[in-house]
Amino acid sequence: MLVLCGTNRPGANTRKVSHRILELLQQMPDEQLPGPKLLDLADLQPDIFLPASYTRKPEWFLREFQAPITEARGMIVVTPEYNGSFPGVLKYFVDMLKFPESLVGMPVAFVGCAAGQFGALRPVEQISMVFHYRKAHIFGERVFMPDIGNAIQEDGTVGVYEERLQGLVAGFVQFVDNQHCATP
């Protein structure tokens, strides 16, 4: 299971929420969820942004990002809202993944974080369309976290959103299990 931190901005609240989700996944019984992992777009190296990367992906990208995506049973995407949308680096990351096979059939859930009052509703709607186009299986429950800066606690929990986030994680794990049981 993967958690994708959908920004490369230093000090982002999205990263804090991504780490909280990873902690929640790690608290699940091992037999239900082996080895959850965080993919952080802040770890993208500068050469991925060279035009040549469209035709030949750097080895580090294939190893550190493509392989975990290919091997994942499911992914929770955490996106902030920047200028009414999701970050460009998130779209670019999706563009760099092998097409079409990278996301086909992958269960995916979305969490939106924003300073504003709508909790990244627009970015989640927009990026979910991209994942739908790539034939991912979209989990119907989403969590939107407005005023995220005031919700994050010193212990890493997310205050008033903690229960919703826990519910999303538990429901998504069940969704992933159901998807994999249904696959012949």
N, C-alpha and C. Protein backbone atom coordinates (compact mmCIF):
# COMPACT_ATOMS: atom_id res chain seq x y z
N MET A 1 0.85 -1.17 0.00
CA MET A 1 0.00 0.00 0.00
C MET A 1 0.90 1.23 0.00
N LEU A 2 0.54 2.20 -0.82
CA LEU A 2 1.32 3.43 -0.92
C LEU A 2 0.52 4.63 -0.44
N VAL A 3 1.24 5.60 0.11
CA VAL A 3 0.70 6.93 0.36
C VAL A 3 1.52 7.85 -0.51
N LEU A 4 0.87 8.62 -1.36
CA LEU A 4 1.56 9.55 -2.25
C LEU A 4 1.36 10.97 -1.75
N CYS A 5 2.46 11.60 -1.32
CA CYS A 5 2.44 13.00 -0.94
C CYS A 5 2.51 13.81 -2.22
N GLY A 6 1.41 14.45 -2.59
CA GLY A 6 1.25 15.08 -3.89
C GLY A 6 1.83 16.48 -4.03
N THR A 7 2.89 16.79 -3.32
CA THR A 7 3.56 18.08 -3.47
C THR A 7 5.04 17.90 -3.21
N ASN A 8 5.82 18.82 -3.74
CA ASN A 8 7.25 18.84 -3.43
C ASN A 8 7.62 20.09 -2.64
N ARG A 9 6.62 20.82 -2.16
CA ARG A 9 6.86 22.05 -1.40
C ARG A 9 7.45 21.73 -0.03
N PRO A 10 8.56 22.38 0.31
CA PRO A 10 9.15 22.17 1.65
C PRO A 10 8.18 22.59 2.76
N GLY A 11 8.15 21.80 3.82
CA GLY A 11 7.34 22.14 4.99
C GLY A 11 5.83 22.04 4.78
N ALA A 12 5.40 21.36 3.75
CA ALA A 12 3.97 21.30 3.41
C ALA A 12 3.16 20.54 4.45
N ASN A 13 1.98 21.05 4.76
CA ASN A 13 1.04 20.34 5.63
C ASN A 13 0.61 19.02 5.00
N THR A 14 0.58 18.97 3.69
CA THR A 14 0.24 17.74 2.98
C THR A 14 1.17 16.61 3.38
N ARG A 15 2.43 16.91 3.57
CA ARG A 15 3.42 15.90 3.97
C ARG A 15 3.09 15.41 5.38
N LYS A 16 2.70 16.31 6.26
CA LYS A 16 2.35 15.91 7.62
C LYS A 16 1.14 14.98 7.61
N VAL A 17 0.15 15.31 6.80
CA VAL A 17 -1.04 14.46 6.68
C VAL A 17 -0.65 13.11 6.06
N SER A 18 0.22 13.13 5.07
CA SER A 18 0.68 11.89 4.43
C SER A 18 1.35 10.98 5.45
N HIS A 19 2.19 11.56 6.31
CA HIS A 19 2.84 10.76 7.36
C HIS A 19 1.81 10.20 8.34
N ARG A 20 0.78 10.97 8.65
CA ARG A 20 -0.26 10.47 9.56
C ARG A 20 -0.98 9.28 8.93
N ILE A 21 -1.29 9.38 7.65
CA ILE A 21 -1.95 8.26 6.97
C ILE A 21 -1.05 7.04 6.97
N LEU A 22 0.24 7.23 6.73
CA LEU A 22 1.18 6.12 6.77
C LEU A 22 1.18 5.46 8.15
N GLU A 23 1.17 6.28 9.21
CA GLU A 23 1.10 5.73 10.58
C GLU A 23 -0.17 4.90 10.77
N LEU A 24 -1.29 5.41 10.28
CA LEU A 24 -2.55 4.67 10.41
C LEU A 24 -2.49 3.34 9.66
N LEU A 25 -1.89 3.35 8.49
CA LEU A 25 -1.74 2.10 7.72
C LEU A 25 -0.82 1.12 8.45
N GLN A 26 0.22 1.65 9.07
CA GLN A 26 1.16 0.80 9.79
C GLN A 26 0.52 0.17 11.03
N GLN A 27 -0.53 0.77 11.54
CA GLN A 27 -1.23 0.24 12.70
C GLN A 27 -2.20 -0.88 12.34
N MET A 28 -2.42 -1.10 11.05
CA MET A 28 -3.31 -2.17 10.60
C MET A 28 -2.61 -3.50 10.85
N PRO A 29 -3.38 -4.58 11.05
CA PRO A 29 -2.76 -5.90 11.23
C PRO A 29 -1.87 -6.25 10.04
N ASP A 30 -0.68 -6.80 10.32
CA ASP A 30 0.31 -7.10 9.27
C ASP A 30 -0.24 -8.00 8.17
N GLU A 31 -1.02 -9.01 8.55
CA GLU A 31 -1.54 -9.93 7.54
C GLU A 31 -2.51 -9.22 6.59
N GLN A 32 -3.09 -8.13 7.05
CA GLN A 32 -4.04 -7.39 6.22
C GLN A 32 -3.32 -6.40 5.30
N LEU A 33 -2.16 -5.92 5.73
CA LEU A 33 -1.52 -4.85 4.98
C LEU A 33 -0.01 -4.89 5.14
N PRO A 34 0.67 -5.68 4.33
CA PRO A 34 2.12 -5.74 4.47
C PRO A 34 2.80 -4.48 3.93
N GLY A 35 3.73 -3.94 4.73
CA GLY A 35 4.64 -2.89 4.33
C GLY A 35 4.14 -1.65 3.64
N PRO A 36 3.30 -0.82 4.27
CA PRO A 36 2.92 0.43 3.62
C PRO A 36 4.14 1.33 3.45
N LYS A 37 4.10 2.16 2.41
CA LYS A 37 5.25 2.99 2.06
C LYS A 37 4.78 4.37 1.63
N LEU A 38 5.61 5.37 1.94
CA LEU A 38 5.34 6.75 1.52
C LEU A 38 6.16 7.07 0.28
N LEU A 39 5.50 7.56 -0.76
CA LEU A 39 6.17 8.14 -1.92
C LEU A 39 5.98 9.65 -1.79
N ASP A 40 7.09 10.38 -1.73
CA ASP A 40 7.04 11.82 -1.52
C ASP A 40 7.61 12.51 -2.75
N LEU A 41 6.82 13.35 -3.38
CA LEU A 41 7.27 14.03 -4.59
C LEU A 41 8.43 14.99 -4.32
N ALA A 42 8.70 15.30 -3.06
CA ALA A 42 9.88 16.09 -2.72
C ALA A 42 11.16 15.29 -2.99
N ASP A 43 11.05 13.98 -3.12
CA ASP A 43 12.20 13.13 -3.39
C ASP A 43 12.51 12.99 -4.88
N LEU A 44 11.71 13.63 -5.73
CA LEU A 44 12.02 13.60 -7.16
C LEU A 44 13.32 14.36 -7.40
N GLN A 45 14.22 13.78 -8.15
CA GLN A 45 15.48 14.43 -8.47
C GLN A 45 15.30 15.35 -9.67
N PRO A 46 16.09 16.40 -9.77
CA PRO A 46 15.90 17.41 -10.82
C PRO A 46 15.94 16.87 -12.25
N ASP A 47 16.70 15.80 -12.51
CA ASP A 47 16.79 15.32 -13.89
C ASP A 47 15.49 14.73 -14.42
N ILE A 48 14.54 14.43 -13.55
CA ILE A 48 13.25 13.93 -14.05
C ILE A 48 12.51 15.02 -14.82
N PHE A 49 12.85 16.28 -14.57
CA PHE A 49 12.18 17.39 -15.21
C PHE A 49 12.81 17.78 -16.55
N LEU A 50 13.85 17.08 -16.97
CA LEU A 50 14.45 17.33 -18.28
C LEU A 50 13.56 16.73 -19.37
N PRO A 51 13.44 17.38 -20.52
CA PRO A 51 12.60 16.83 -21.60
C PRO A 51 12.97 15.41 -22.00
N ALA A 52 14.23 15.03 -21.88
CA ALA A 52 14.65 13.68 -22.25
C ALA A 52 13.98 12.60 -21.39
N SER A 53 13.48 12.97 -20.21
CA SER A 53 12.85 11.99 -19.32
C SER A 53 11.55 11.43 -19.89
N TYR A 54 10.95 12.14 -20.83
CA TYR A 54 9.73 11.60 -21.44
C TYR A 54 10.03 10.33 -22.23
N THR A 55 11.21 10.25 -22.84
CA THR A 55 11.53 9.08 -23.65
C THR A 55 12.37 8.06 -22.91
N ARG A 56 13.21 8.52 -21.97
CA ARG A 56 14.04 7.59 -21.20
C ARG A 56 14.03 8.02 -19.74
N LYS A 57 13.33 7.26 -18.93
CA LYS A 57 13.23 7.58 -17.51
C LYS A 57 14.55 7.27 -16.81
N PRO A 58 14.98 8.12 -15.89
CA PRO A 58 16.18 7.83 -15.12
C PRO A 58 16.00 6.53 -14.30
N GLU A 59 17.08 5.80 -14.13
CA GLU A 59 17.04 4.54 -13.37
C GLU A 59 16.50 4.74 -11.96
N TRP A 60 16.91 5.81 -11.30
CA TRP A 60 16.44 6.05 -9.94
C TRP A 60 14.92 6.21 -9.91
N PHE A 61 14.34 6.83 -10.94
CA PHE A 61 12.88 7.01 -10.99
C PHE A 61 12.20 5.65 -11.13
N LEU A 62 12.73 4.82 -12.02
CA LEU A 62 12.14 3.49 -12.21
C LEU A 62 12.21 2.67 -10.93
N ARG A 63 13.31 2.78 -10.21
CA ARG A 63 13.51 2.00 -8.99
C ARG A 63 12.71 2.56 -7.81
N GLU A 64 12.77 3.88 -7.60
CA GLU A 64 12.20 4.49 -6.40
C GLU A 64 10.74 4.90 -6.52
N PHE A 65 10.24 5.09 -7.74
CA PHE A 65 8.86 5.54 -7.91
C PHE A 65 8.05 4.58 -8.77
N GLN A 66 8.55 4.22 -9.95
CA GLN A 66 7.78 3.35 -10.84
C GLN A 66 7.58 1.97 -10.24
N ALA A 67 8.65 1.35 -9.72
CA ALA A 67 8.53 0.00 -9.17
C ALA A 67 7.52 -0.07 -8.02
N PRO A 68 7.57 0.85 -7.04
CA PRO A 68 6.55 0.79 -5.98
C PRO A 68 5.12 0.95 -6.51
N ILE A 69 4.94 1.79 -7.52
CA ILE A 69 3.60 1.96 -8.11
C ILE A 69 3.17 0.65 -8.76
N THR A 70 4.05 0.06 -9.53
CA THR A 70 3.73 -1.19 -10.23
C THR A 70 3.40 -2.32 -9.27
N GLU A 71 4.09 -2.35 -8.12
CA GLU A 71 3.91 -3.43 -7.16
C GLU A 71 2.80 -3.19 -6.14
N ALA A 72 2.30 -1.97 -6.07
CA ALA A 72 1.34 -1.60 -5.01
C ALA A 72 -0.01 -2.29 -5.18
N ARG A 73 -0.60 -2.61 -4.04
CA ARG A 73 -1.97 -3.14 -4.03
C ARG A 73 -2.99 -2.01 -4.07
N GLY A 74 -2.57 -0.80 -3.66
CA GLY A 74 -3.46 0.35 -3.63
C GLY A 74 -2.67 1.59 -3.23
N MET A 75 -3.30 2.76 -3.40
CA MET A 75 -2.59 4.00 -3.10
C MET A 75 -3.58 5.06 -2.59
N ILE A 76 -3.13 5.78 -1.58
CA ILE A 76 -3.88 6.93 -1.08
C ILE A 76 -3.10 8.17 -1.52
N VAL A 77 -3.74 9.01 -2.31
CA VAL A 77 -3.12 10.23 -2.83
C VAL A 77 -3.55 11.39 -1.94
N VAL A 78 -2.57 12.13 -1.42
CA VAL A 78 -2.86 13.30 -0.59
C VAL A 78 -2.45 14.52 -1.39
N THR A 79 -3.40 15.39 -1.67
CA THR A 79 -3.10 16.56 -2.49
C THR A 79 -3.49 17.85 -1.77
N PRO A 80 -2.64 18.85 -1.92
CA PRO A 80 -3.01 20.17 -1.42
C PRO A 80 -3.78 20.91 -2.51
N GLU A 81 -4.24 22.09 -2.17
CA GLU A 81 -4.85 22.98 -3.16
C GLU A 81 -3.92 24.16 -3.36
N TYR A 82 -3.41 24.26 -4.58
CA TYR A 82 -2.57 25.39 -4.96
C TYR A 82 -3.27 26.11 -6.12
N ASN A 83 -3.66 27.34 -5.90
CA ASN A 83 -4.29 28.15 -6.95
C ASN A 83 -5.52 27.47 -7.57
N GLY A 84 -6.33 26.87 -6.72
CA GLY A 84 -7.59 26.27 -7.17
C GLY A 84 -7.44 24.92 -7.84
N SER A 85 -6.28 24.30 -7.76
CA SER A 85 -6.07 23.01 -8.40
C SER A 85 -5.02 22.22 -7.61
N PHE A 86 -4.65 21.06 -8.15
CA PHE A 86 -3.59 20.27 -7.55
C PHE A 86 -2.25 20.75 -8.10
N PRO A 87 -1.15 20.46 -7.42
CA PRO A 87 0.16 20.92 -7.87
C PRO A 87 0.56 20.34 -9.22
N GLY A 88 1.24 21.14 -10.02
CA GLY A 88 1.72 20.69 -11.31
C GLY A 88 2.65 19.50 -11.20
N VAL A 89 3.44 19.43 -10.13
CA VAL A 89 4.36 18.31 -9.95
C VAL A 89 3.60 16.99 -9.82
N LEU A 90 2.40 17.01 -9.29
CA LEU A 90 1.59 15.79 -9.18
C LEU A 90 1.16 15.31 -10.56
N LYS A 91 0.71 16.22 -11.40
CA LYS A 91 0.33 15.83 -12.77
C LYS A 91 1.55 15.35 -13.54
N TYR A 92 2.66 16.05 -13.39
CA TYR A 92 3.88 15.65 -14.08
C TYR A 92 4.31 14.25 -13.64
N PHE A 93 4.19 13.97 -12.35
CA PHE A 93 4.53 12.64 -11.84
C PHE A 93 3.67 11.58 -12.52
N VAL A 94 2.38 11.81 -12.60
CA VAL A 94 1.50 10.85 -13.26
C VAL A 94 1.90 10.70 -14.73
N ASP A 95 2.26 11.81 -15.37
CA ASP A 95 2.70 11.76 -16.76
C ASP A 95 3.97 10.92 -16.94
N MET A 96 4.83 10.88 -15.95
CA MET A 96 6.08 10.14 -16.04
C MET A 96 5.91 8.64 -15.83
N LEU A 97 4.79 8.22 -15.24
CA LEU A 97 4.56 6.79 -15.01
C LEU A 97 4.32 6.08 -16.33
N LYS A 98 4.72 4.82 -16.38
CA LYS A 98 4.51 4.03 -17.59
C LYS A 98 3.03 4.05 -17.96
N PHE A 99 2.76 4.23 -19.23
CA PHE A 99 1.39 4.31 -19.72
C PHE A 99 1.16 3.15 -20.68
N PRO A 100 0.07 2.47 -20.58
CA PRO A 100 -1.07 2.69 -19.71
C PRO A 100 -1.05 1.86 -18.43
N GLU A 101 -0.09 0.97 -18.29
CA GLU A 101 -0.18 -0.07 -17.27
C GLU A 101 0.00 0.36 -15.82
N SER A 102 0.57 1.52 -15.56
CA SER A 102 0.91 1.87 -14.18
C SER A 102 -0.27 1.93 -13.22
N LEU A 103 -1.38 2.47 -13.63
CA LEU A 103 -2.49 2.68 -12.70
C LEU A 103 -3.72 1.84 -13.03
N VAL A 104 -3.68 1.08 -14.11
CA VAL A 104 -4.83 0.29 -14.53
C VAL A 104 -5.22 -0.69 -13.43
N GLY A 105 -6.44 -0.59 -12.98
CA GLY A 105 -6.96 -1.50 -11.96
C GLY A 105 -6.50 -1.23 -10.55
N MET A 106 -5.66 -0.22 -10.33
CA MET A 106 -5.17 0.06 -8.98
C MET A 106 -6.24 0.77 -8.17
N PRO A 107 -6.56 0.26 -6.98
CA PRO A 107 -7.45 0.99 -6.08
C PRO A 107 -6.75 2.26 -5.59
N VAL A 108 -7.48 3.39 -5.67
CA VAL A 108 -6.91 4.68 -5.28
C VAL A 108 -7.94 5.46 -4.46
N ALA A 109 -7.47 6.06 -3.37
CA ALA A 109 -8.29 6.95 -2.54
C ALA A 109 -7.64 8.32 -2.53
N PHE A 110 -8.43 9.35 -2.19
CA PHE A 110 -7.92 10.72 -2.22
C PHE A 110 -8.24 11.45 -0.93
N VAL A 111 -7.25 12.26 -0.50
CA VAL A 111 -7.39 13.14 0.65
C VAL A 111 -6.96 14.52 0.19
N GLY A 112 -7.77 15.54 0.51
CA GLY A 112 -7.43 16.91 0.14
C GLY A 112 -7.13 17.75 1.37
N CYS A 113 -6.07 18.56 1.29
CA CYS A 113 -5.65 19.45 2.39
C CYS A 113 -5.59 20.87 1.86
N ALA A 114 -6.17 21.81 2.59
CA ALA A 114 -6.12 23.20 2.13
C ALA A 114 -6.21 24.15 3.31
N ALA A 115 -5.65 25.33 3.11
CA ALA A 115 -5.78 26.40 4.09
C ALA A 115 -7.19 26.98 4.03
N GLY A 116 -7.81 26.92 2.87
CA GLY A 116 -9.13 27.49 2.66
C GLY A 116 -10.26 26.64 3.19
N GLN A 117 -11.46 27.12 2.97
CA GLN A 117 -12.66 26.52 3.57
C GLN A 117 -13.20 25.28 2.87
N PHE A 118 -12.70 24.95 1.67
CA PHE A 118 -13.26 23.80 0.96
C PHE A 118 -12.39 22.54 1.04
N GLY A 119 -11.24 22.62 1.69
CA GLY A 119 -10.44 21.43 1.95
C GLY A 119 -9.93 20.72 0.72
N ALA A 120 -9.62 21.47 -0.34
CA ALA A 120 -9.09 20.91 -1.58
C ALA A 120 -10.11 20.06 -2.34
N LEU A 121 -11.36 20.43 -2.25
CA LEU A 121 -12.40 19.73 -2.99
C LEU A 121 -12.11 19.76 -4.49
N ARG A 122 -11.80 20.94 -5.04
CA ARG A 122 -11.53 21.04 -6.48
C ARG A 122 -10.33 20.20 -6.89
N PRO A 123 -9.20 20.30 -6.21
CA PRO A 123 -8.06 19.47 -6.62
C PRO A 123 -8.34 17.97 -6.58
N VAL A 124 -9.06 17.52 -5.56
CA VAL A 124 -9.38 16.09 -5.48
C VAL A 124 -10.26 15.69 -6.67
N GLU A 125 -11.26 16.50 -6.97
CA GLU A 125 -12.13 16.20 -8.11
C GLU A 125 -11.31 16.17 -9.41
N GLN A 126 -10.42 17.13 -9.57
CA GLN A 126 -9.63 17.22 -10.80
C GLN A 126 -8.65 16.06 -10.94
N ILE A 127 -7.89 15.77 -9.89
CA ILE A 127 -6.89 14.69 -9.99
C ILE A 127 -7.57 13.33 -10.07
N SER A 128 -8.73 13.18 -9.47
CA SER A 128 -9.42 11.89 -9.58
C SER A 128 -9.85 11.62 -11.02
N MET A 129 -10.14 12.67 -11.78
CA MET A 129 -10.46 12.48 -13.21
C MET A 129 -9.25 11.95 -13.97
N VAL A 130 -8.06 12.43 -13.63
CA VAL A 130 -6.83 11.96 -14.27
C VAL A 130 -6.62 10.48 -13.95
N PHE A 131 -6.80 10.11 -12.69
CA PHE A 131 -6.64 8.71 -12.30
C PHE A 131 -7.73 7.84 -12.92
N HIS A 132 -8.92 8.36 -13.04
CA HIS A 132 -10.00 7.62 -13.70
C HIS A 132 -9.64 7.38 -15.17
N TYR A 133 -9.11 8.38 -15.82
CA TYR A 133 -8.68 8.24 -17.21
C TYR A 133 -7.63 7.13 -17.34
N ARG A 134 -6.77 7.04 -16.33
CA ARG A 134 -5.71 6.02 -16.34
C ARG A 134 -6.25 4.66 -15.86
N LYS A 135 -7.56 4.57 -15.70
CA LYS A 135 -8.26 3.32 -15.37
C LYS A 135 -8.00 2.78 -13.97
N ALA A 136 -7.72 3.68 -13.04
CA ALA A 136 -7.62 3.29 -11.63
C ALA A 136 -9.03 3.02 -11.10
N HIS A 137 -9.12 2.23 -10.04
CA HIS A 137 -10.40 1.98 -9.36
C HIS A 137 -10.50 2.99 -8.22
N ILE A 138 -11.40 3.94 -8.37
CA ILE A 138 -11.51 5.05 -7.43
C ILE A 138 -12.40 4.66 -6.25
N PHE A 139 -11.85 4.80 -5.04
CA PHE A 139 -12.61 4.58 -3.81
C PHE A 139 -13.57 5.75 -3.64
N GLY A 140 -14.83 5.46 -3.34
CA GLY A 140 -15.87 6.48 -3.30
C GLY A 140 -15.80 7.46 -2.14
N GLU A 141 -15.15 7.09 -1.06
CA GLU A 141 -15.05 7.98 0.10
C GLU A 141 -13.79 8.83 -0.03
N ARG A 142 -13.92 10.12 0.29
CA ARG A 142 -12.78 11.03 0.28
C ARG A 142 -12.81 11.85 1.55
N VAL A 143 -11.66 12.37 1.93
CA VAL A 143 -11.61 13.25 3.09
C VAL A 143 -11.08 14.60 2.63
N PHE A 144 -11.81 15.65 2.97
CA PHE A 144 -11.40 17.02 2.66
C PHE A 144 -11.09 17.71 3.99
N MET A 145 -9.94 18.37 4.04
CA MET A 145 -9.47 18.95 5.30
C MET A 145 -9.24 20.45 5.14
N PRO A 146 -10.28 21.27 5.37
CA PRO A 146 -10.08 22.72 5.33
C PRO A 146 -9.32 23.20 6.56
N ASP A 147 -8.74 24.38 6.43
CA ASP A 147 -8.00 25.01 7.54
C ASP A 147 -7.01 24.02 8.16
N ILE A 148 -6.28 23.33 7.28
CA ILE A 148 -5.43 22.23 7.72
C ILE A 148 -4.33 22.68 8.67
N GLY A 149 -3.83 23.88 8.50
CA GLY A 149 -2.76 24.36 9.36
C GLY A 149 -3.12 24.39 10.83
N ASN A 150 -4.39 24.63 11.12
CA ASN A 150 -4.85 24.66 12.51
C ASN A 150 -5.29 23.29 13.02
N ALA A 151 -5.43 22.33 12.12
CA ALA A 151 -5.90 21.00 12.52
C ALA A 151 -4.77 20.08 12.95
N ILE A 152 -3.59 20.26 12.39
CA ILE A 152 -2.48 19.36 12.68
C ILE A 152 -1.98 19.61 14.10
N GLN A 153 -1.92 18.54 14.87
CA GLN A 153 -1.51 18.60 16.27
C GLN A 153 -0.02 18.30 16.40
N GLU A 154 0.56 18.64 17.53
CA GLU A 154 1.99 18.39 17.76
C GLU A 154 2.33 16.90 17.70
N ASP A 155 1.39 16.03 18.06
CA ASP A 155 1.66 14.59 18.04
C ASP A 155 1.45 13.97 16.66
N GLY A 156 1.15 14.80 15.65
CA GLY A 156 0.98 14.30 14.29
C GLY A 156 -0.44 13.96 13.92
N THR A 157 -1.34 13.91 14.89
CA THR A 157 -2.74 13.64 14.58
C THR A 157 -3.34 14.87 13.92
N VAL A 158 -4.54 14.72 13.40
CA VAL A 158 -5.14 15.80 12.61
C VAL A 158 -6.42 16.35 13.22
N GLY A 159 -6.46 16.40 14.54
CA GLY A 159 -7.54 17.07 15.26
C GLY A 159 -8.92 16.61 14.84
N VAL A 160 -9.74 17.55 14.42
CA VAL A 160 -11.14 17.26 14.09
C VAL A 160 -11.28 16.31 12.91
N TYR A 161 -10.23 16.09 12.14
CA TYR A 161 -10.29 15.19 10.98
C TYR A 161 -9.81 13.79 11.28
N GLU A 162 -9.32 13.57 12.49
CA GLU A 162 -8.71 12.28 12.82
C GLU A 162 -9.67 11.11 12.60
N GLU A 163 -10.88 11.24 13.10
CA GLU A 163 -11.85 10.14 12.97
C GLU A 163 -12.18 9.86 11.50
N ARG A 164 -12.36 10.92 10.72
CA ARG A 164 -12.65 10.74 9.29
C ARG A 164 -11.48 10.07 8.57
N LEU A 165 -10.28 10.49 8.92
CA LEU A 165 -9.10 9.90 8.28
C LEU A 165 -8.96 8.43 8.65
N GLN A 166 -9.19 8.10 9.91
CA GLN A 166 -9.15 6.70 10.34
C GLN A 166 -10.20 5.87 9.60
N GLY A 167 -11.39 6.45 9.43
CA GLY A 167 -12.45 5.76 8.71
C GLY A 167 -12.09 5.53 7.25
N LEU A 168 -11.49 6.53 6.62
CA LEU A 168 -11.08 6.39 5.23
C LEU A 168 -10.04 5.28 5.09
N VAL A 169 -9.05 5.27 5.96
CA VAL A 169 -7.99 4.26 5.89
C VAL A 169 -8.58 2.87 6.07
N ALA A 170 -9.40 2.67 7.08
CA ALA A 170 -10.00 1.36 7.32
C ALA A 170 -10.89 0.93 6.15
N GLY A 171 -11.71 1.84 5.67
CA GLY A 171 -12.58 1.53 4.54
C GLY A 171 -11.80 1.25 3.27
N PHE A 172 -10.72 2.00 3.06
CA PHE A 172 -9.91 1.79 1.85
C PHE A 172 -9.19 0.45 1.89
N VAL A 173 -8.66 0.08 3.04
CA VAL A 173 -8.01 -1.23 3.16
C VAL A 173 -9.01 -2.34 2.82
N GLN A 174 -10.23 -2.23 3.29
CA GLN A 174 -11.25 -3.22 2.96
C GLN A 174 -11.57 -3.20 1.46
N PHE A 175 -11.65 -2.02 0.87
CA PHE A 175 -11.88 -1.85 -0.56
C PHE A 175 -10.77 -2.54 -1.37
N VAL A 176 -9.52 -2.32 -0.95
CA VAL A 176 -8.39 -2.96 -1.64
C VAL A 176 -8.48 -4.47 -1.52
N ASP A 177 -8.77 -4.97 -0.33
CA ASP A 177 -8.92 -6.42 -0.13
C ASP A 177 -10.02 -6.97 -1.01
N ASN A 178 -11.14 -6.27 -1.10
CA ASN A 178 -12.25 -6.72 -1.94
C ASN A 178 -11.87 -6.72 -3.42
N GLN A 179 -11.11 -5.72 -3.85
CA GLN A 179 -10.67 -5.66 -5.24
C GLN A 179 -9.77 -6.85 -5.56
N HIS A 180 -8.88 -7.18 -4.66
CA HIS A 180 -7.94 -8.26 -4.91
C HIS A 180 -8.60 -9.63 -4.79
N CYS A 181 -9.63 -9.74 -3.95
CA CYS A 181 -10.38 -11.01 -3.86
C CYS A 181 -11.20 -11.24 -5.10
N ALA A 182 -11.67 -10.16 -5.73
CA ALA A 182 -12.51 -10.26 -6.91
C ALA A 182 -11.71 -10.53 -8.18
N THR A 183 -10.39 -10.32 -8.14
CA THR A 183 -9.55 -10.55 -9.31
C THR A 183 -9.31 -12.03 -9.49
N PRO A 184 -9.61 -12.56 -10.70
CA PRO A 184 -9.42 -14.01 -10.92
C PRO A 184 -7.96 -14.38 -10.94
